[in-house]
């Protein structure tokens, strides 16, 4: 067995940290800083099992919702733009999407970080489609939301006309009738943001249903979701990630057997 050289690991970590944050970093002064370079960047971000765009989305959502230093989130935003893994418009869409699954305060933190990097880099603001630019029929939008729910989740959502404010006006009307339908961010990207949100919420049914849907829809493979867990653990911590790891095993087994989500 060939021994791994610590100096080589540190050099790889330093190079990736600079590339993925869009700036040079000083030599680590603490063990924590060293672990960012020598483990998080050198070993986690360098793994081939998940594309960098997905890793950025997971990390952006996780960093925004972890309550960690703002500099970490700003670094990820800058890095996503510097590597061209995400555009400014896609980042703005990500902030909106994250608001739904982690709360508007968390989405606001990401949105604010995007604004800071936009100013730092002297970028022109991007023009995006408004949330709703034309009149609409409420029932038609809820019906569109029902159809979108079925596509995203791979099972029927709450019926139109159920009379429950959260289900009708929240889930059908806005979450699936408006946000998931927006063209500014692809479904696979929205999926990774959502998975972070439901994992953070520690809500059993949303976690299981969304991880099942991620595979049943074809957005993610089981192997990619195993990588998701490691990337997510960096910000959420190993105890939370261990719960999600169990869910990935469970839902991957259901998918392999061809079993639909049954609650």
Protein backbone atom coordinates (compact mmCIF):
# COMPACT_ATOMS: atom_id res chain seq x y z
CA UNK A 1 0.00 0.00 0.00
CA UNK A 2 1.36 3.42 -1.00
CA UNK A 3 1.45 6.00 1.78
CA UNK A 4 -0.19 9.37 1.12
CA UNK A 5 2.07 12.38 1.43
CA UNK A 6 0.65 15.08 3.78
CA UNK A 7 2.43 17.81 1.81
CA UNK A 8 0.79 16.66 -1.42
CA UNK A 9 -2.63 16.69 0.25
CA UNK A 10 -2.06 20.20 1.57
CA UNK A 11 -0.95 21.44 -1.84
CA UNK A 12 -4.01 19.93 -3.51
CA UNK A 13 -6.23 21.46 -0.83
CA UNK A 14 -4.64 24.89 -1.18
CA UNK A 15 -5.06 24.83 -4.96
CA UNK A 16 -8.69 23.70 -4.82
CA UNK A 17 -9.57 26.12 -2.03
CA UNK A 18 -8.28 29.02 -4.12
CA UNK A 19 -10.08 27.82 -7.25
CA UNK A 20 -13.38 27.04 -5.56
CA UNK A 21 -13.59 30.26 -3.54
CA UNK A 22 -12.21 32.60 -6.20
CA UNK A 23 -9.44 33.94 -3.95
CA UNK A 24 -6.10 33.03 -2.38
CA UNK A 25 -6.03 31.95 1.27
CA UNK A 26 -3.34 32.54 3.86
CA UNK A 27 -1.48 29.66 5.44
CA UNK A 28 -3.72 28.06 8.12
CA UNK A 29 -3.11 29.32 11.64
CA UNK A 30 -5.43 26.94 13.47
CA UNK A 31 -6.38 23.27 13.26
CA UNK A 32 -9.84 24.24 12.03
CA UNK A 33 -8.41 26.27 9.14
CA UNK A 34 -6.05 23.41 8.33
CA UNK A 35 -8.96 20.97 8.21
CA UNK A 36 -10.74 23.16 5.65
CA UNK A 37 -7.70 22.95 3.38
CA UNK A 38 -6.58 19.37 4.02
CA UNK A 39 -9.91 17.60 4.37
CA UNK A 40 -12.84 19.65 3.06
CA UNK A 41 -11.14 20.88 -0.12
CA UNK A 42 -8.35 18.33 -0.60
CA UNK A 43 -10.49 15.25 0.03
CA UNK A 44 -14.21 16.03 -0.16
CA UNK A 45 -14.37 18.54 -3.03
CA UNK A 46 -11.89 16.50 -5.08
CA UNK A 47 -14.00 13.35 -5.10
CA UNK A 48 -15.21 12.30 -8.58
CA UNK A 49 -18.63 10.94 -7.58
CA UNK A 50 -20.51 14.25 -7.84
CA UNK A 51 -20.10 17.16 -10.23
CA UNK A 52 -18.86 20.50 -8.92
CA UNK A 53 -22.10 22.30 -9.78
CA UNK A 54 -23.99 19.96 -7.46
CA UNK A 55 -21.36 20.36 -4.74
CA UNK A 56 -21.69 24.14 -4.96
CA UNK A 57 -25.48 23.96 -4.64
CA UNK A 58 -25.27 21.64 -1.62
CA UNK A 59 -22.60 23.79 0.01
CA UNK A 60 -24.35 27.09 -0.68
CA UNK A 61 -27.58 25.82 0.83
CA UNK A 62 -25.82 24.19 3.77
CA UNK A 63 -23.61 27.18 4.53
CA UNK A 64 -26.54 29.61 4.34
CA UNK A 65 -28.57 27.53 6.78
CA UNK A 66 -25.80 26.54 9.20
CA UNK A 67 -25.33 29.91 10.88
CA UNK A 68 -21.60 29.83 10.14
CA UNK A 69 -19.32 32.72 9.16
CA UNK A 70 -20.63 34.90 6.33
CA UNK A 71 -17.21 34.69 4.67
CA UNK A 72 -17.77 31.00 3.95
CA UNK A 73 -21.02 31.67 2.12
CA UNK A 74 -19.54 34.63 0.24
CA UNK A 75 -16.59 32.43 -0.79
CA UNK A 76 -18.94 29.82 -2.22
CA UNK A 77 -20.89 32.44 -4.17
CA UNK A 78 -17.68 33.92 -5.57
CA UNK A 79 -16.35 30.46 -6.38
CA UNK A 80 -19.53 29.36 -8.14
CA UNK A 81 -19.27 32.42 -10.39
CA UNK A 82 -15.50 32.18 -10.88
CA UNK A 83 -15.70 28.55 -11.98
CA UNK A 84 -18.81 29.29 -14.08
CA UNK A 85 -20.66 26.44 -12.42
CA UNK A 86 -23.53 28.85 -11.67
CA UNK A 87 -24.58 32.14 -13.21
CA UNK A 88 -25.71 35.19 -11.29
CA UNK A 89 -29.28 34.55 -12.41
CA UNK A 90 -29.14 30.93 -11.26
CA UNK A 91 -27.81 32.05 -7.87
CA UNK A 92 -30.73 34.47 -7.48
CA UNK A 93 -33.13 31.64 -8.33
CA UNK A 94 -31.34 29.44 -5.78
CA UNK A 95 -31.93 32.05 -3.07
CA UNK A 96 -35.66 32.05 -3.83
CA UNK A 97 -35.82 28.26 -3.85
CA UNK A 98 -33.89 27.99 -0.60
CA UNK A 99 -36.34 30.40 1.05
CA UNK A 100 -39.14 27.89 0.59
CA UNK A 101 -37.30 24.95 2.12
CA UNK A 102 -35.21 26.69 4.78
CA UNK A 103 -37.22 29.88 5.41
CA UNK A 104 -37.02 33.36 3.95
CA UNK A 105 -34.38 34.39 6.47
CA UNK A 106 -31.97 31.74 5.18
CA UNK A 107 -32.78 32.57 1.57
CA UNK A 108 -32.18 36.21 2.46
CA UNK A 109 -28.70 35.41 3.77
CA UNK A 110 -27.81 33.78 0.46
CA UNK A 111 -29.37 36.63 -1.51
CA UNK A 112 -27.35 39.14 0.53
CA UNK A 113 -24.12 37.21 -0.08
CA UNK A 114 -24.85 37.24 -3.82
CA UNK A 115 -25.33 41.02 -3.69
CA UNK A 116 -22.00 41.44 -1.86
CA UNK A 117 -20.11 39.42 -4.48
CA UNK A 118 -21.95 41.16 -7.30
CA UNK A 119 -20.67 44.51 -5.97
CA UNK A 120 -17.19 43.15 -5.20
CA UNK A 121 -16.75 41.88 -8.76
CA UNK A 122 -18.45 44.87 -10.38
CA UNK A 123 -21.07 42.71 -12.08
CA UNK A 124 -24.17 44.08 -13.74
CA UNK A 125 -27.43 43.07 -12.08
CA UNK A 126 -29.26 40.34 -13.95
CA UNK A 127 -32.82 40.75 -15.24
CA UNK A 128 -35.07 37.88 -14.18
CA UNK A 129 -38.67 36.94 -14.83
CA UNK A 130 -40.94 38.37 -12.11
CA UNK A 131 -42.62 36.02 -9.68
CA UNK A 132 -45.87 36.63 -11.56
CA UNK A 133 -45.99 39.10 -14.42
CA UNK A 134 -49.51 38.61 -15.74
CA UNK A 135 -53.02 37.98 -14.36
CA UNK A 136 -53.85 34.37 -13.57
CA UNK A 137 -56.75 32.15 -12.69
CA UNK A 138 -56.17 30.82 -9.13
CA UNK A 139 -57.67 27.40 -9.86
CA UNK A 140 -55.65 26.97 -13.04
CA UNK A 141 -52.46 27.80 -11.17
CA UNK A 142 -53.30 25.25 -8.47
CA UNK A 143 -54.01 22.67 -11.17
CA UNK A 144 -50.62 23.47 -12.69
CA UNK A 145 -49.15 23.09 -9.22
CA UNK A 146 -50.78 19.69 -8.83
CA UNK A 147 -49.27 18.56 -12.15
CA UNK A 148 -45.84 19.93 -11.19
CA UNK A 149 -46.04 18.19 -7.80
CA UNK A 150 -46.73 14.89 -9.54
CA UNK A 151 -43.75 15.38 -11.87
CA UNK A 152 -41.32 16.45 -9.15
CA UNK A 153 -42.42 14.08 -6.38
CA UNK A 154 -43.53 11.16 -8.65
CA UNK A 155 -46.81 10.75 -6.75
CA UNK A 156 -50.03 12.75 -6.48
CA UNK A 157 -50.04 15.85 -4.32
CA UNK A 158 -52.90 17.33 -2.32
CA UNK A 159 -56.04 17.71 -4.45
CA UNK A 160 -57.13 21.08 -5.76
CA UNK A 161 -60.04 22.43 -3.73
CA UNK A 162 -59.01 20.71 -0.48
CA UNK A 163 -59.67 23.91 1.47
CA UNK A 164 -56.49 23.75 3.59
CA UNK A 165 -54.55 27.05 3.31
CA UNK A 166 -51.08 25.52 3.63
CA UNK A 167 -51.77 22.78 1.08
CA UNK A 168 -53.65 24.90 -1.44
CA UNK A 169 -52.08 28.34 -1.21
CA UNK A 170 -48.66 27.21 -0.04
CA UNK A 171 -47.83 23.87 -1.68
CA UNK A 172 -49.98 23.96 -4.84
CA UNK A 173 -50.27 27.70 -5.46
CA UNK A 174 -46.71 28.86 -4.80
CA UNK A 175 -44.20 26.06 -4.21
CA UNK A 176 -45.17 23.88 -7.17
CA UNK A 177 -47.50 26.19 -9.08
CA UNK A 178 -44.92 28.95 -9.30
CA UNK A 179 -41.46 28.28 -7.95
CA UNK A 180 -40.65 24.78 -9.24
CA UNK A 181 -42.01 25.85 -12.65
CA UNK A 182 -39.61 28.77 -13.04
CA UNK A 183 -37.19 28.35 -15.98
CA UNK A 184 -34.21 30.06 -14.34
CA UNK A 185 -32.88 26.92 -12.63
CA UNK A 186 -33.07 23.32 -13.81
CA UNK A 187 -34.92 20.65 -11.84
CA UNK A 188 -31.79 18.71 -10.83
CA UNK A 189 -30.30 21.86 -9.31
CA UNK A 190 -33.51 22.63 -7.45
CA UNK A 191 -33.45 19.07 -6.19
CA UNK A 192 -30.12 19.45 -4.39
CA UNK A 193 -31.24 22.68 -2.73
CA UNK A 194 -34.45 20.96 -1.62
CA UNK A 195 -32.62 17.94 -0.21
CA UNK A 196 -30.54 20.22 2.02
CA UNK A 197 -33.71 21.96 3.18
CA UNK A 198 -35.62 18.81 4.12
CA UNK A 199 -32.51 17.29 5.73
CA UNK A 200 -32.10 20.40 7.88
CA UNK A 201 -35.76 20.31 8.86
CA UNK A 202 -35.37 16.81 10.34
CA UNK A 203 -38.94 16.11 9.22
CA UNK A 204 -39.30 12.36 8.60
CA UNK A 205 -41.88 12.25 5.79
CA UNK A 206 -40.44 15.13 3.71
CA UNK A 207 -36.95 13.65 4.02
CA UNK A 208 -37.98 10.20 2.86
CA UNK A 209 -40.34 11.38 0.14
CA UNK A 210 -37.87 13.86 -1.35
CA UNK A 211 -34.91 11.47 -1.34
CA UNK A 212 -37.09 8.81 -2.94
CA UNK A 213 -38.30 11.33 -5.53
CA UNK A 214 -34.74 12.46 -6.28
CA UNK A 215 -33.99 8.96 -7.54
CA UNK A 216 -37.44 8.04 -8.90
CA UNK A 217 -37.48 11.18 -11.07
CA UNK A 218 -34.06 10.41 -12.53
CA UNK A 219 -32.58 13.63 -11.15
CA UNK A 220 -30.03 11.78 -9.00
CA UNK A 221 -28.51 8.33 -8.71
CA UNK A 222 -28.03 6.49 -5.45
CA UNK A 223 -24.26 6.91 -5.81
CA UNK A 224 -24.67 10.68 -6.15
CA UNK A 225 -26.84 10.82 -3.03
CA UNK A 226 -24.20 8.92 -1.06
CA UNK A 227 -21.79 11.69 -2.11
CA UNK A 228 -24.43 14.26 -1.16
CA UNK A 229 -24.34 12.99 2.42
CA UNK A 230 -20.59 13.56 2.75
CA UNK A 231 -20.78 17.04 1.19
CA UNK A 232 -23.76 17.91 3.40
CA UNK A 233 -21.94 16.68 6.54
CA UNK A 234 -19.30 19.40 6.19
CA UNK A 235 -21.81 22.04 7.30
CA UNK A 236 -24.56 20.03 9.00
CA UNK A 237 -22.25 17.79 11.04
CA UNK A 238 -21.87 14.03 11.15
CA UNK A 239 -24.87 13.27 13.45
CA UNK A 240 -27.37 14.93 11.08
CA UNK A 241 -25.66 13.43 8.06
CA UNK A 242 -25.81 9.94 9.59
CA UNK A 243 -29.60 10.18 9.66
CA UNK A 244 -29.67 11.14 5.99
CA UNK A 245 -27.24 8.34 5.13
CA UNK A 246 -29.71 5.82 6.57
CA UNK A 247 -32.50 7.33 4.48
CA UNK A 248 -30.42 7.10 1.30
CA UNK A 249 -29.80 3.39 1.95
CA UNK A 250 -33.51 2.84 2.64
CA UNK A 251 -34.84 4.77 -0.35
CA UNK A 252 -32.21 3.38 -2.75
CA UNK A 253 -33.35 -0.13 -1.79
CA UNK A 254 -36.97 0.81 -2.56
CA UNK A 255 -35.98 2.25 -5.94
CA UNK A 256 -33.93 -0.84 -6.79
CA UNK A 257 -37.01 -2.99 -6.11
CA UNK A 258 -39.18 -0.67 -8.23
CA UNK A 259 -41.27 0.41 -5.24
CA UNK A 260 -43.17 3.70 -5.41
CA UNK A 261 -43.32 6.13 -2.52
CA UNK A 262 -46.16 5.03 -0.24
CA UNK A 263 -45.72 7.31 2.75
